[in-house]
Amino acid sequence: MPDSPRILIAGAGVGGLALAQALRHGGLDVAVYERDSTPKIRSQGYRIHIDTDGNAALRTCLPADTLDLVRRTSGVNDDVVAGYTHQLRQVMTRTFPGITDDLITAVDRNTFRQGLLSGLGDTVHFGRTLTGYRITDSGRVRVEFAEGGDDEGDLLVGADGVSSAVRRQLLPDATVKDIGLRCVYGRLTLTEATEALIPEAISHGFSWVSDESGCGAGFAPVRFRSRPEGASDYLMVTLLASEERLGTPDEELFELSPEALWKLTLKATADWHPALRELFAYADSDRFFPITIRAGQRVDAWESGPVTLLGDAIHTMPPTGGVGANTALRDAATLAGELLSAAHGDKSLIDAAAAYERIMLPRGFDTIDASLRMAAQMFAASG
């Protein structure tokens, strides 16, 4: 495309990279700027669930060889979601039929990111923190970086997450709400010995365990189909509770070492079923970290222009619905389709951004509402 528009993407997370893959494969000029110094620097989670919408978006965004790489390095498929009390009494179970080998149901976050980076070596620039942008007299977008320097494109996509610098400037009144939950993420490396520790009831899919005091834990294995070099199978272990239930104020929680956070999970689950306590006891004590659970608040549609938003940058998603990554992937697929249509002369870039936003905004915030309802149900299932 001799007159291909130049698209700037702030953020090399799931959504930003999927969008870059689709646009690059479609022949557009793309540059991705990421504040992390390397692809492996962030502590954001371990296992990601990929649903049917996420699979469809991946098929839309990724070239065949990249999709095959992502599939080969994904987790072994599983189709179970279950809920238990802290004494391992089953509350609910659900299986999802029709899960075939060509589908992806779970990925390791870092491995997934590596797959999405495949073929984008000269497109993604790490260690570049976008601080702001301005619209030029010609209607283009010029971005600036904390490290110095700038760049200019025809459209800027803010895919820079919950603390999005692009959102702060585009929608200064948009808010992200702390919903009062803290999540301590951890993992248990799976070996012959540790595999034997996992109760059969929670050895597949995703299992949610909760007690009467408002403390819950999620367990989900990642057993790679084809294990990447340096990776190991593991069980994701997460503890969710309020600041009050954890008994540790935020100013202390977020300063704790991984080992201290691990000990916090042992204390919080001290009266749980012995098999569950063992999973925390044998977890990797150096792989724990905390996050605050937040949810984006609805915003009205804005006047579309050469700047738009994607994923958590606009509709920050609580993890309780297991759909945050899938929603970002759907955003990427929708926006890519609109931008490629514009590049072929079917509409202007501004019209493409407007068409995307008309779909993305209600879809994203409706999904947040569903995730919040799921959070209420998960903690109501205690007992």
Protein backbone atom coordinates (compact mmCIF):
# COMPACT_ATOMS: atom_id res chain seq x y z
CA MET A 1 0.00 0.00 0.00
CA PRO A 2 1.95 3.04 -1.23
CA ASP A 3 -0.14 5.44 0.85
CA SER A 4 -0.46 3.17 3.88
CA PRO A 5 -1.35 5.10 7.03
CA ARG A 6 1.10 4.98 9.91
CA ILE A 7 -0.41 3.57 13.11
CA LEU A 8 1.21 4.17 16.49
CA ILE A 9 0.33 1.79 19.33
CA ALA A 10 1.15 2.60 22.94
CA GLY A 11 1.55 -0.66 24.86
CA ALA A 12 2.83 -4.12 23.94
CA GLY A 13 0.36 -6.17 25.92
CA VAL A 14 -2.06 -8.74 24.55
CA GLY A 15 -4.32 -6.28 22.73
CA GLY A 16 -1.61 -4.01 21.39
CA LEU A 17 0.43 -6.89 19.97
CA ALA A 18 -2.59 -8.63 18.42
CA LEU A 19 -3.52 -5.36 16.72
CA ALA A 20 0.05 -4.87 15.52
CA GLN A 21 0.09 -8.39 14.06
CA ALA A 22 -3.14 -7.81 12.13
CA LEU A 23 -2.09 -4.40 10.79
CA ARG A 24 1.44 -5.47 9.93
CA HIS A 25 0.14 -8.58 8.15
CA GLY A 26 -2.32 -6.34 6.31
CA GLY A 27 0.51 -4.18 4.98
CA LEU A 28 0.18 -1.12 7.21
CA ASP A 29 3.05 0.85 8.71
CA VAL A 30 2.96 0.14 12.47
CA ALA A 31 5.11 1.14 15.44
CA VAL A 32 4.51 -0.19 18.97
CA TYR A 33 6.02 1.60 21.97
CA GLU A 34 6.25 -0.22 25.32
CA ARG A 35 7.48 1.17 28.63
CA ASP A 36 8.79 -2.23 29.85
CA SER A 37 12.50 -2.51 29.18
CA THR A 38 12.15 -6.14 28.02
CA PRO A 39 9.25 -8.46 27.09
CA LYS A 40 9.65 -10.38 30.38
CA ILE A 41 9.74 -7.53 32.88
CA ARG A 42 6.12 -7.30 34.09
CA SER A 43 4.36 -9.07 36.96
CA GLN A 44 0.75 -9.10 35.81
CA GLY A 45 -0.38 -12.69 36.18
CA TYR A 46 0.36 -16.21 35.06
CA ARG A 47 -2.37 -18.21 33.33
CA ILE A 48 -4.78 -16.55 30.89
CA HIS A 49 -8.05 -18.19 29.87
CA ILE A 50 -8.87 -17.93 26.17
CA ASP A 51 -12.55 -18.34 25.29
CA THR A 52 -14.33 -18.81 21.96
CA ASP A 53 -14.39 -15.04 21.33
CA GLY A 54 -10.68 -14.84 22.05
CA ASN A 55 -9.99 -17.73 19.69
CA ALA A 56 -11.99 -16.04 16.93
CA ALA A 57 -10.08 -12.79 17.47
CA LEU A 58 -6.74 -14.58 17.34
CA ARG A 59 -7.70 -16.21 14.05
CA THR A 60 -8.60 -12.76 12.72
CA CYS A 61 -5.44 -11.01 13.92
CA LEU A 62 -2.61 -13.51 13.60
CA PRO A 63 -0.95 -14.85 10.48
CA ALA A 64 -1.14 -18.64 10.24
CA ASP A 65 2.42 -19.35 11.41
CA THR A 66 2.10 -17.09 14.47
CA LEU A 67 -1.27 -18.59 15.39
CA ASP A 68 0.25 -22.06 15.10
CA LEU A 69 3.13 -21.04 17.39
CA VAL A 70 0.70 -19.66 19.98
CA ARG A 71 -1.38 -22.83 19.82
CA ARG A 72 1.63 -25.16 20.10
CA THR A 73 2.94 -23.35 23.17
CA SER A 74 -0.44 -23.03 24.87
CA GLY A 75 -1.66 -25.19 27.71
CA VAL A 76 -3.24 -28.58 27.24
CA ASN A 77 -6.95 -27.99 26.64
CA ASP A 78 -9.34 -28.37 29.52
CA ASP A 79 -13.05 -27.67 29.83
CA VAL A 80 -13.89 -27.57 33.54
CA VAL A 81 -14.86 -24.66 35.81
CA ALA A 82 -15.69 -25.63 39.38
CA GLY A 83 -16.36 -24.06 42.77
CA TYR A 84 -15.59 -25.43 46.23
CA THR A 85 -15.74 -24.41 49.85
CA HIS A 86 -12.48 -24.08 51.75
CA GLN A 87 -13.10 -27.62 53.03
CA LEU A 88 -13.29 -28.91 49.42
CA ARG A 89 -17.02 -29.42 49.35
CA GLN A 90 -18.16 -28.97 45.76
CA VAL A 91 -20.51 -26.05 45.19
CA MET A 92 -20.73 -26.16 41.39
CA THR A 93 -19.08 -27.64 38.33
CA ARG A 94 -19.49 -26.93 34.67
CA THR A 95 -17.92 -28.54 31.63
CA PHE A 96 -17.81 -27.01 28.17
CA PRO A 97 -18.31 -29.52 25.35
CA GLY A 98 -16.85 -29.11 21.89
CA ILE A 99 -13.33 -28.15 22.98
CA THR A 100 -11.22 -29.41 20.08
CA ASP A 101 -7.45 -29.51 19.70
CA ASP A 102 -7.43 -26.60 17.28
CA LEU A 103 -8.80 -24.31 20.00
CA ILE A 104 -6.72 -22.57 22.66
CA THR A 105 -8.17 -22.62 26.16
CA ALA A 106 -5.28 -21.47 28.36
CA VAL A 107 -1.94 -19.79 27.86
CA ASP A 108 0.95 -18.76 30.05
CA ARG A 109 1.04 -14.97 29.94
CA ASN A 110 4.76 -14.58 29.19
CA THR A 111 4.81 -17.41 26.64
CA PHE A 112 1.72 -15.92 24.98
CA ARG A 113 3.42 -12.54 24.80
CA GLN A 114 6.47 -14.10 23.19
CA GLY A 115 4.24 -15.74 20.60
CA LEU A 116 2.45 -12.48 19.84
CA LEU A 117 5.85 -10.79 19.37
CA SER A 118 6.80 -13.30 16.66
CA GLY A 119 7.75 -11.47 13.47
CA LEU A 120 7.42 -8.02 15.05
CA GLY A 121 11.08 -7.50 15.91
CA ASP A 122 11.45 -4.17 14.06
CA THR A 123 7.95 -3.01 14.98
CA VAL A 124 8.02 -3.13 18.80
CA HIS A 125 10.24 -0.73 20.72
CA PHE A 126 10.82 -1.53 24.40
CA GLY A 127 11.94 0.95 27.04
CA ARG A 128 9.86 3.75 25.49
CA THR A 129 7.42 5.41 27.90
CA LEU A 130 4.79 7.50 26.16
CA THR A 131 4.07 10.61 28.22
CA GLY A 132 1.69 12.49 25.94
CA TYR A 133 0.66 13.44 22.46
CA ARG A 134 -0.47 16.42 20.42
CA ILE A 135 -2.49 16.75 17.25
CA THR A 136 -0.50 18.55 14.55
CA ASP A 137 -1.85 21.22 12.22
CA SER A 138 -2.12 18.56 9.51
CA GLY A 139 -4.27 16.36 11.73
CA ARG A 140 -1.59 13.78 12.50
CA VAL A 141 -0.53 12.69 16.01
CA ARG A 142 2.89 13.37 17.49
CA VAL A 143 3.85 11.37 20.58
CA GLU A 144 6.59 12.10 23.09
CA PHE A 145 8.57 9.78 25.35
CA ALA A 146 9.98 10.13 28.85
CA GLU A 147 13.32 8.83 27.57
CA GLY A 148 13.44 11.57 24.95
CA GLY A 149 12.48 11.68 21.31
CA ASP A 150 9.14 11.54 19.54
CA ASP A 151 7.31 9.98 16.62
CA GLU A 152 4.42 10.90 14.38
CA GLY A 153 1.60 8.88 12.85
CA ASP A 154 -1.88 9.11 11.40
CA LEU A 155 -3.58 7.36 14.34
CA LEU A 156 -2.57 6.66 17.94
CA VAL A 157 -4.03 3.64 19.75
CA GLY A 158 -3.72 3.73 23.52
CA ALA A 159 -3.32 0.10 24.55
CA ASP A 160 -1.22 1.05 27.56
CA GLY A 161 -3.27 -0.56 30.32
CA VAL A 162 -4.97 0.56 33.48
CA SER A 163 -2.60 3.51 34.03
CA SER A 164 -2.90 4.64 30.41
CA ALA A 165 -1.20 7.95 29.66
CA VAL A 166 -3.24 8.15 26.47
CA ARG A 167 -6.54 7.84 28.37
CA ARG A 168 -5.48 10.48 30.90
CA GLN A 169 -5.05 13.00 28.11
CA LEU A 170 -7.94 11.94 25.86
CA LEU A 171 -10.49 11.41 28.65
CA PRO A 172 -9.21 13.26 31.73
CA ASP A 173 -12.48 12.65 33.61
CA ALA A 174 -12.52 8.87 33.05
CA THR A 175 -12.12 6.93 36.27
CA VAL A 176 -10.98 3.47 37.28
CA LYS A 177 -12.51 2.20 40.51
CA ASP A 178 -10.76 0.14 43.16
CA ILE A 179 -13.38 -2.54 43.89
CA GLY A 180 -11.85 -3.34 47.28
CA LEU A 181 -10.15 -6.64 46.49
CA ARG A 182 -6.47 -7.52 46.50
CA CYS A 183 -5.07 -10.47 44.61
CA VAL A 184 -1.85 -12.21 45.55
CA TYR A 185 -0.63 -14.20 42.54
CA GLY A 186 1.63 -17.20 42.90
CA ARG A 187 2.52 -20.46 41.23
CA LEU A 188 3.51 -24.01 42.10
CA THR A 189 6.00 -25.59 39.70
CA LEU A 190 4.74 -29.02 38.72
CA THR A 191 7.04 -31.98 39.19
CA GLU A 192 6.24 -35.61 39.77
CA ALA A 193 6.16 -34.89 43.50
CA THR A 194 4.06 -31.71 43.38
CA GLU A 195 1.60 -33.12 40.81
CA ALA A 196 0.72 -35.71 43.44
CA LEU A 197 -0.27 -32.91 45.85
CA ILE A 198 -3.10 -31.60 43.66
CA PRO A 199 -6.49 -33.02 44.60
CA GLU A 200 -8.20 -34.57 41.60
CA ALA A 201 -11.12 -32.20 42.14
CA ILE A 202 -9.04 -29.15 41.19
CA SER A 203 -6.45 -30.68 38.86
CA HIS A 204 -8.24 -29.52 35.70
CA GLY A 205 -9.52 -26.26 34.28
CA PHE A 206 -10.18 -23.47 36.77
CA SER A 207 -11.29 -24.03 40.36
CA TRP A 208 -12.52 -21.38 42.77
CA VAL A 209 -12.36 -21.98 46.52
CA SER A 210 -13.85 -19.62 49.12
CA ASP A 211 -14.46 -19.53 52.84
CA GLU A 212 -17.05 -17.84 55.07
CA SER A 213 -14.80 -14.89 55.91
CA GLY A 214 -14.61 -13.45 52.42
CA CYS A 215 -11.33 -15.00 51.34
CA GLY A 216 -11.07 -16.89 48.05
CA ALA A 217 -8.46 -18.68 46.00
CA GLY A 218 -8.19 -19.65 42.36
CA PHE A 219 -6.30 -22.69 41.12
CA ALA A 220 -5.57 -23.47 37.47
CA PRO A 221 -2.88 -25.68 35.91
CA VAL A 222 -0.79 -24.84 32.86
CA ARG A 223 0.58 -27.99 31.29
CA PHE A 224 2.20 -26.95 28.05
CA ARG A 225 1.37 -28.78 24.82
CA SER A 226 4.92 -28.07 23.70
CA ARG A 227 7.00 -26.67 26.54
CA PRO A 228 9.09 -23.62 25.55
CA GLU A 229 12.76 -23.62 26.48
CA GLY A 230 13.22 -22.61 30.10
CA ALA A 231 9.54 -23.01 30.97
CA SER A 232 7.94 -25.52 33.31
CA ASP A 233 4.41 -26.74 33.88
CA TYR A 234 2.79 -25.11 36.90
CA LEU A 235 -0.34 -24.63 38.93
CA MET A 236 -1.42 -21.00 39.21
CA VAL A 237 -2.42 -20.23 42.80
CA THR A 238 -4.10 -16.94 43.65
CA LEU A 239 -5.52 -15.53 46.85
CA LEU A 240 -8.24 -12.85 46.72
CA ALA A 241 -9.51 -10.91 49.71
CA SER A 242 -10.17 -7.43 50.95
CA GLU A 243 -7.42 -5.40 52.59
CA GLU A 244 -9.20 -5.89 55.91
CA ARG A 245 -9.44 -9.67 55.50
CA LEU A 246 -5.77 -9.93 54.62
CA GLY A 247 -4.95 -7.91 57.72
CA THR A 248 -2.24 -6.01 55.85
CA PRO A 249 -2.76 -2.40 54.74
CA ASP A 250 -1.85 -1.53 51.16
CA GLU A 251 1.18 0.52 52.14
CA GLU A 252 2.66 -2.66 53.62
CA LEU A 253 1.22 -5.23 51.20
CA PHE A 254 2.80 -3.72 48.13
CA GLU A 255 6.18 -3.47 49.84
CA LEU A 256 6.32 -7.11 50.93
CA SER A 257 8.85 -9.45 49.40
CA PRO A 258 7.63 -12.46 47.38
CA GLU A 259 8.48 -14.72 50.33
CA ALA A 260 6.53 -12.52 52.75
CA LEU A 261 3.53 -12.59 50.40
CA TRP A 262 3.79 -16.38 50.24
CA LYS A 263 3.72 -16.51 54.04
CA LEU A 264 0.68 -14.23 53.99
CA THR A 265 -1.19 -16.81 51.88
CA LEU A 266 -0.26 -19.54 54.36
CA LYS A 267 -1.64 -17.48 57.23
CA ALA A 268 -4.85 -16.59 55.39
CA THR A 269 -5.60 -20.24 54.59
CA ALA A 270 -4.49 -21.75 57.90
CA ASP A 271 -7.91 -23.29 58.63
CA TRP A 272 -8.54 -24.57 55.11
CA HIS A 273 -8.57 -28.19 53.99
CA PRO A 274 -5.07 -29.72 54.41
CA ALA A 275 -4.82 -30.51 50.69
CA LEU A 276 -5.40 -26.87 49.82
CA ARG A 277 -2.95 -25.64 52.44
CA GLU A 278 -0.31 -27.92 50.93
CA LEU A 279 -0.67 -26.26 47.53
CA PHE A 280 0.28 -22.92 49.06
CA ALA A 281 2.92 -24.49 51.31
CA TYR A 282 4.77 -26.06 48.36
CA ALA A 283 4.31 -23.11 46.01
CA ASP A 284 7.34 -21.24 44.68
CA SER A 285 7.98 -18.77 47.48
CA ASP A 286 9.90 -16.41 45.19
CA ARG A 287 7.11 -16.06 42.61
CA PHE A 288 4.40 -14.18 44.52
CA PHE A 289 3.25 -10.62 43.83
CA PRO A 290 0.14 -8.51 44.62
CA ILE A 291 -2.22 -6.49 42.45
CA THR A 292 -5.19 -4.23 43.14
CA ILE A 293 -8.43 -5.33 41.47
CA ARG A 294 -9.93 -2.41 39.55
CA ALA A 295 -12.82 -1.83 37.18
CA GLY A 296 -13.26 0.88 34.59
CA GLN A 297 -16.25 3.18 35.00
CA ARG A 298 -18.57 3.81 32.05
CA VAL A 299 -17.77 6.82 29.91
CA ASP A 300 -19.86 8.56 27.28
CA ALA A 301 -18.81 8.34 23.66
CA TRP A 302 -16.36 11.08 22.73
CA GLU A 303 -15.84 12.92 19.47
CA SER A 304 -13.76 10.52 17.41
CA GLY A 305 -10.41 11.68 16.16
CA PRO A 306 -6.91 10.40 15.44
CA VAL A 307 -6.60 8.93 18.97
CA THR A 308 -8.47 5.92 20.34
CA LEU A 309 -8.20 3.37 23.16
CA LEU A 310 -8.13 -0.41 23.47
CA GLY A 311 -8.41 -3.01 26.24
CA ASP A 312 -7.72 -2.08 29.85
CA ALA A 313 -6.75 1.43 28.79
CA ILE A 314 -10.48 2.19 28.38
CA HIS A 315 -12.46 -0.63 30.03
CA THR A 316 -10.23 -1.92 32.82
CA MET A 317 -11.45 -5.44 33.46
CA PRO A 318 -11.52 -7.23 36.84
CA PRO A 319 -10.10 -10.76 36.43
CA THR A 320 -13.14 -12.37 38.08
CA GLY A 321 -14.86 -12.98 34.74
CA GLY A 322 -11.77 -14.45 33.10
CA VAL A 323 -12.38 -12.28 30.04
CA GLY A 324 -9.95 -9.36 30.25
CA ALA A 325 -7.52 -10.67 27.64
CA ASN A 326 -10.36 -11.93 25.46
CA THR A 327 -12.02 -8.51 25.47
CA ALA A 328 -8.73 -6.85 24.48
CA LEU A 329 -8.33 -9.39 21.67
CA ARG A 330 -11.86 -8.65 20.45
CA ASP A 331 -11.02 -4.93 20.50
CA ALA A 332 -7.92 -5.63 18.43
CA ALA A 333 -9.83 -7.68 15.86
CA THR A 334 -12.60 -5.08 15.54
CA LEU A 335 -10.21 -2.14 15.24
CA ALA A 336 -7.95 -3.97 12.80
CA GLY A 337 -10.89 -4.66 10.51
CA GLU A 338 -11.92 -1.02 10.51
CA LEU A 339 -8.40 0.30 9.95
CA LEU A 340 -7.67 -2.12 7.13
CA SER A 341 -10.94 -1.07 5.51
CA ALA A 342 -9.83 2.56 5.77
CA ALA A 343 -6.42 1.71 4.31
CA HIS A 344 -8.17 0.24 1.27
CA GLY A 345 -10.05 3.50 0.76
CA ASP A 346 -13.45 2.38 2.02
CA LYS A 347 -13.60 5.08 4.70
CA SER A 348 -11.43 7.60 6.49
CA LEU A 349 -9.30 6.71 9.50
CA ILE A 350 -11.52 8.88 11.69
CA ASP A 351 -14.63 7.09 10.45
CA ALA A 352 -12.87 3.78 11.10
CA ALA A 353 -12.06 4.79 14.68
CA ALA A 354 -15.65 5.96 15.21
CA ALA A 355 -17.08 2.68 13.90
CA TYR A 356 -14.77 0.74 16.23
CA GLU A 357 -15.67 2.87 19.25
CA ARG A 358 -19.41 2.38 18.64
CA ILE A 359 -18.87 -1.36 19.07
CA MET A 360 -16.06 -1.36 21.64
CA LEU A 361 -17.53 0.96 24.26
CA PRO A 362 -20.83 -0.80 25.06
CA ARG A 363 -19.28 -4.24 24.63
CA GLY A 364 -16.40 -3.50 26.98
CA PHE A 365 -18.45 -1.93 29.76
CA ASP A 366 -21.18 -4.57 29.53
CA THR A 367 -18.42 -7.14 30.02
CA ILE A 368 -17.14 -5.27 33.09
CA ASP A 369 -20.63 -5.40 34.56
CA ALA A 370 -20.77 -9.16 33.98
CA SER A 371 -17.34 -9.60 35.62
CA LEU A 372 -18.47 -7.63 38.67
CA ARG A 373 -21.58 -9.79 38.96
CA MET A 374 -19.35 -12.85 38.76
CA ALA A 375 -17.19 -11.46 41.58
CA ALA A 376 -20.28 -11.10 43.77
CA GLN A 377 -21.33 -14.68 43.00
CA MET A 378 -17.86 -16.06 43.68
CA PHE A 379 -17.68 -14.62 47.17
CA ALA A 380 -21.34 -15.43 47.86
CA ALA A 381 -20.49 -19.09 47.24
CA SER A 382 -18.58 -19.27 50.54
CA GLY A 383 -19.61 -21.77 53.19
